Amino acid sequence: MRKILFGVIITLIVLFTFKYCGDNQKDKIILQESSTLIEEQIKNVGKLVVTEGHFSEVFNYKNSKEIFGDYFTSEKKALVVVNADVTIAYDLSEIEFEIDDVGKTLTILSIPKEEIKISPDFEYYDIQSDFLNPFEAKDYNEIKHIVKTSLNKKLEASDLKANAKNRLISELSKFYILTNSLGWTLKYNENPVSTLDALQGLKL
């Protein structure tokens, strides 16, 4: 009787051991699959052009050159029409992140800064100059510098950057949806992201 009871106990122990090991192995496989899926989803995200804008400017360029002191002044001028396309993009493939398999946590460590590209198109009208003060390459370079400075100021005063951030947060919300559906936790630095609304309060 004791041998039979002992045999039954040994059998149960073996069965429970196999079941426990099988469950653990299954959990590990699911965990690895989830981790791989999250990592691939982040790495597959390329450059995100989040905002496009257009600016138009008209500039009156003037340059005076004194000849023989104050006795004679030679002036050159031009009317410059500028149409510029502006794009703001994020290269999300450069996101730095950590995956904690044990704690089921995806931590986004840093997000690359926005890439601002301004592509101006210059049209010159009514260029006036003379032999003593001709239009030169430095004049065109100065015009480009003035235009670039002006366009940057307009960009800062516009809502393009704010719109770009909103689009970025919308894209990051996909990571939250993915991790949440897998039972994982999303963090930005050390701040857990518990809801989609919490993304709005992050300082990116």
Protein backbone atom coordinates (compact mmCIF):
# COMPACT_ATOMS: atom_id res chain seq x y z
CA MET A 1 0.00 0.00 0.00
CA ARG A 2 2.82 2.35 0.90
CA LYS A 3 4.56 1.58 -2.40
CA ILE A 4 1.42 2.36 -4.33
CA LEU A 5 0.88 5.63 -2.42
CA PHE A 6 4.53 6.55 -2.88
CA GLY A 7 4.26 5.81 -6.59
CA VAL A 8 1.15 7.96 -6.90
CA ILE A 9 2.88 10.85 -5.11
CA ILE A 10 5.97 10.57 -7.35
CA THR A 11 3.74 10.51 -10.43
CA LEU A 12 1.86 13.60 -9.32
CA ILE A 13 5.13 15.43 -8.59
CA VAL A 14 6.47 14.56 -12.03
CA LEU A 15 3.22 15.67 -13.71
CA PHE A 16 3.13 18.97 -11.81
CA THR A 17 6.84 19.55 -12.58
CA PHE A 18 6.25 19.03 -16.30
CA LYS A 19 3.20 21.26 -16.24
CA TYR A 20 5.05 23.98 -14.31
CA CYS A 21 8.03 23.85 -16.66
CA GLY A 22 5.71 23.83 -19.67
CA ASP A 23 3.80 26.87 -18.43
CA ASN A 24 7.06 28.70 -17.68
CA GLN A 25 8.39 27.87 -21.12
CA LYS A 26 5.16 29.09 -22.71
CA ASP A 27 5.33 32.35 -20.71
CA LYS A 28 8.94 32.86 -21.78
CA ILE A 29 8.05 32.36 -25.43
CA ILE A 30 5.15 34.83 -25.20
CA LEU A 31 7.41 37.33 -23.39
CA GLN A 32 10.14 37.02 -26.01
CA GLU A 33 7.61 37.40 -28.82
CA SER A 34 6.15 40.51 -27.19
CA SER A 35 9.61 41.99 -26.65
CA THR A 36 10.62 41.31 -30.25
CA LEU A 37 7.38 42.77 -31.58
CA ILE A 38 7.83 46.00 -29.59
CA GLU A 39 11.45 46.36 -30.63
CA GLU A 40 10.65 45.81 -34.30
CA GLN A 41 7.76 48.25 -34.22
CA ILE A 42 10.06 51.00 -32.91
CA LYS A 43 12.91 50.24 -35.29
CA ASN A 44 10.59 50.09 -38.29
CA VAL A 45 9.39 53.65 -37.74
CA GLY A 46 11.27 55.90 -40.13
CA LYS A 47 11.44 59.63 -40.58
CA LEU A 48 8.14 61.23 -39.70
CA VAL A 49 7.35 64.47 -41.51
CA VAL A 50 4.80 65.87 -39.13
CA THR A 51 4.24 69.42 -40.35
CA GLU A 52 4.55 71.33 -43.58
CA GLY A 53 4.18 75.06 -44.06
CA HIS A 54 4.64 77.79 -46.64
CA PHE A 55 5.85 81.36 -46.25
CA SER A 56 5.99 84.21 -48.75
CA GLU A 57 8.07 87.36 -48.35
CA VAL A 58 8.86 90.46 -50.39
CA PHE A 59 12.14 92.22 -49.60
CA ASN A 60 13.55 95.51 -50.74
CA TYR A 61 17.31 95.16 -50.69
CA LYS A 62 19.41 98.32 -50.69
CA ASN A 63 23.12 98.91 -50.36
CA SER A 64 24.87 102.26 -50.50
CA LYS A 65 28.55 102.84 -51.04
CA GLU A 66 30.23 106.16 -50.44
CA ILE A 67 32.66 107.25 -53.12
CA PHE A 68 35.27 109.90 -52.31
CA GLY A 69 33.96 110.32 -48.79
CA ASP A 70 30.60 112.09 -48.60
CA TYR A 71 30.85 113.64 -52.04
CA PHE A 72 29.23 110.82 -53.99
CA THR A 73 27.07 107.82 -53.06
CA SER A 74 26.50 104.83 -55.29
CA GLU A 75 23.40 102.80 -54.52
CA LYS A 76 22.31 99.36 -55.63
CA LYS A 77 18.97 97.78 -54.92
CA ALA A 78 16.71 94.90 -55.83
CA LEU A 79 13.20 93.66 -55.21
CA VAL A 80 13.29 90.07 -53.96
CA VAL A 81 10.26 87.78 -53.80
CA VAL A 82 10.75 84.67 -51.67
CA ASN A 83 8.51 81.61 -51.51
CA ALA A 84 9.66 79.10 -48.93
CA ASP A 85 8.48 75.62 -48.05
CA VAL A 86 9.09 74.54 -44.46
CA THR A 87 9.00 70.99 -43.12
CA ILE A 88 9.42 69.77 -39.55
CA ALA A 89 10.30 66.10 -39.15
CA TYR A 90 11.38 63.61 -36.48
CA ASP A 91 13.64 60.66 -37.24
CA LEU A 92 11.90 58.19 -34.95
CA SER A 93 14.30 55.41 -35.97
CA GLU A 94 16.81 57.18 -33.69
CA ILE A 95 14.66 56.82 -30.58
CA GLU A 96 16.71 55.52 -27.65
CA PHE A 97 14.84 52.95 -25.60
CA GLU A 98 15.21 50.07 -23.16
CA ILE A 99 13.10 46.92 -22.91
CA ASP A 100 12.75 45.21 -19.54
CA ASP A 101 11.49 41.70 -20.27
CA VAL A 102 11.08 40.77 -16.62
CA GLY A 103 9.21 43.91 -15.61
CA LYS A 104 7.35 44.08 -18.95
CA THR A 105 8.35 47.71 -19.39
CA LEU A 106 9.28 49.74 -22.45
CA THR A 107 11.21 52.86 -21.45
CA ILE A 108 11.76 55.57 -24.04
CA LEU A 109 14.98 57.26 -22.97
CA SER A 110 15.16 60.06 -25.52
CA ILE A 111 13.50 61.31 -28.68
CA PRO A 112 15.59 63.04 -31.37
CA LYS A 113 15.09 66.77 -31.82
CA GLU A 114 12.97 67.97 -34.64
CA GLU A 115 14.61 68.51 -38.02
CA ILE A 116 13.61 71.81 -39.58
CA LYS A 117 14.14 72.25 -43.30
CA ILE A 118 13.53 75.57 -45.01
CA SER A 119 13.64 75.55 -48.81
CA PRO A 120 13.40 79.11 -50.14
CA ASP A 121 12.93 80.00 -53.80
CA PHE A 122 14.30 83.45 -54.74
CA GLU A 123 13.06 85.65 -57.57
CA TYR A 124 14.90 88.91 -58.24
CA TYR A 125 13.22 91.90 -59.84
CA ASP A 126 14.28 95.43 -60.69
CA ILE A 127 17.96 94.94 -59.94
CA GLN A 128 19.69 98.33 -60.12
CA SER A 129 23.41 98.91 -59.76
CA ASP A 130 26.25 100.70 -61.48
CA PHE A 131 29.89 100.26 -62.37
CA LEU A 132 31.14 101.70 -59.06
CA ASN A 133 28.84 99.56 -56.91
CA PRO A 134 27.85 96.42 -58.88
CA PHE A 135 25.86 93.43 -57.62
CA GLU A 136 28.26 90.76 -56.41
CA ALA A 137 28.11 87.29 -54.87
CA LYS A 138 28.33 88.77 -51.37
CA ASP A 139 25.11 90.71 -52.02
CA TYR A 140 23.22 87.53 -52.88
CA ASN A 141 24.68 85.83 -49.80
CA GLU A 142 23.61 88.76 -47.63
CA ILE A 143 20.10 88.59 -49.06
CA LYS A 144 19.94 84.86 -48.30
CA HIS A 145 21.12 85.50 -44.74
CA ILE A 146 18.49 88.23 -44.21
CA VAL A 147 15.76 86.00 -45.62
CA LYS A 148 16.82 83.02 -43.50
CA THR A 149 16.78 85.13 -40.33
CA SER A 150 13.35 86.52 -41.17
CA LEU A 151 11.90 83.09 -41.99
CA ASN A 152 13.23 81.62 -38.74
CA LYS A 153 11.51 84.41 -36.80
CA LYS A 154 8.27 83.75 -38.66
CA LEU A 155 8.56 80.04 -37.95
CA GLU A 156 9.03 80.66 -34.22
CA ALA A 157 6.00 82.97 -34.18
CA SER A 158 3.82 80.47 -36.04
CA ASP A 159 2.07 77.38 -34.66
CA LEU A 160 4.06 74.95 -36.84
CA LYS A 161 6.23 73.71 -33.98
CA ALA A 162 3.22 73.20 -31.72
CA ASN A 163 1.46 71.28 -34.48
CA ALA A 164 4.59 69.17 -34.99
CA LYS A 165 4.66 68.25 -31.30
CA ASN A 166 0.99 67.26 -31.39
CA ARG A 167 1.63 65.02 -34.40
CA LEU A 168 4.63 63.49 -32.63
CA ILE A 169 2.56 62.70 -29.53
CA SER A 170 -0.09 61.16 -31.77
CA GLU A 171 2.58 58.88 -33.24
CA LEU A 172 3.94 57.97 -29.79
CA SER A 173 0.43 57.01 -28.71
CA LYS A 174 0.78 53.98 -30.98
CA PHE A 175 3.54 52.70 -28.71
CA TYR A 176 1.25 53.12 -25.71
CA ILE A 177 -1.58 51.24 -27.44
CA LEU A 178 0.82 48.43 -28.41
CA THR A 179 2.37 48.02 -24.94
CA ASN A 180 -0.98 48.32 -23.21
CA SER A 181 -2.50 45.62 -25.43
CA LEU A 182 0.37 43.27 -24.51
CA GLY A 183 0.08 43.97 -20.78
CA TRP A 184 3.26 46.04 -20.71
CA THR A 185 4.01 49.46 -19.20
CA LEU A 186 5.24 52.40 -21.25
CA LYS A 187 7.61 54.90 -19.63
CA TYR A 188 9.22 58.10 -20.88
CA ASN A 189 12.44 58.40 -18.90
CA GLU A 190 11.18 57.56 -15.40
CA ASN A 191 7.60 58.68 -15.88
CA PRO A 192 5.01 55.93 -16.43
CA VAL A 193 2.48 56.68 -19.15
CA SER A 194 -0.76 55.34 -17.74
CA THR A 195 -3.20 56.97 -20.17
CA LEU A 196 -3.18 58.56 -23.61
CA ASP A 197 -3.87 61.92 -21.99
CA ALA A 198 -0.69 61.53 -19.93
CA LEU A 199 1.32 61.78 -23.18
CA GLN A 200 0.12 65.34 -23.61
CA GLY A 201 1.83 66.40 -20.39
CA LEU A 202 5.24 64.99 -21.26
CA LYS A 203 8.07 67.45 -21.83
CA LEU A 204 9.53 66.15 -25.08
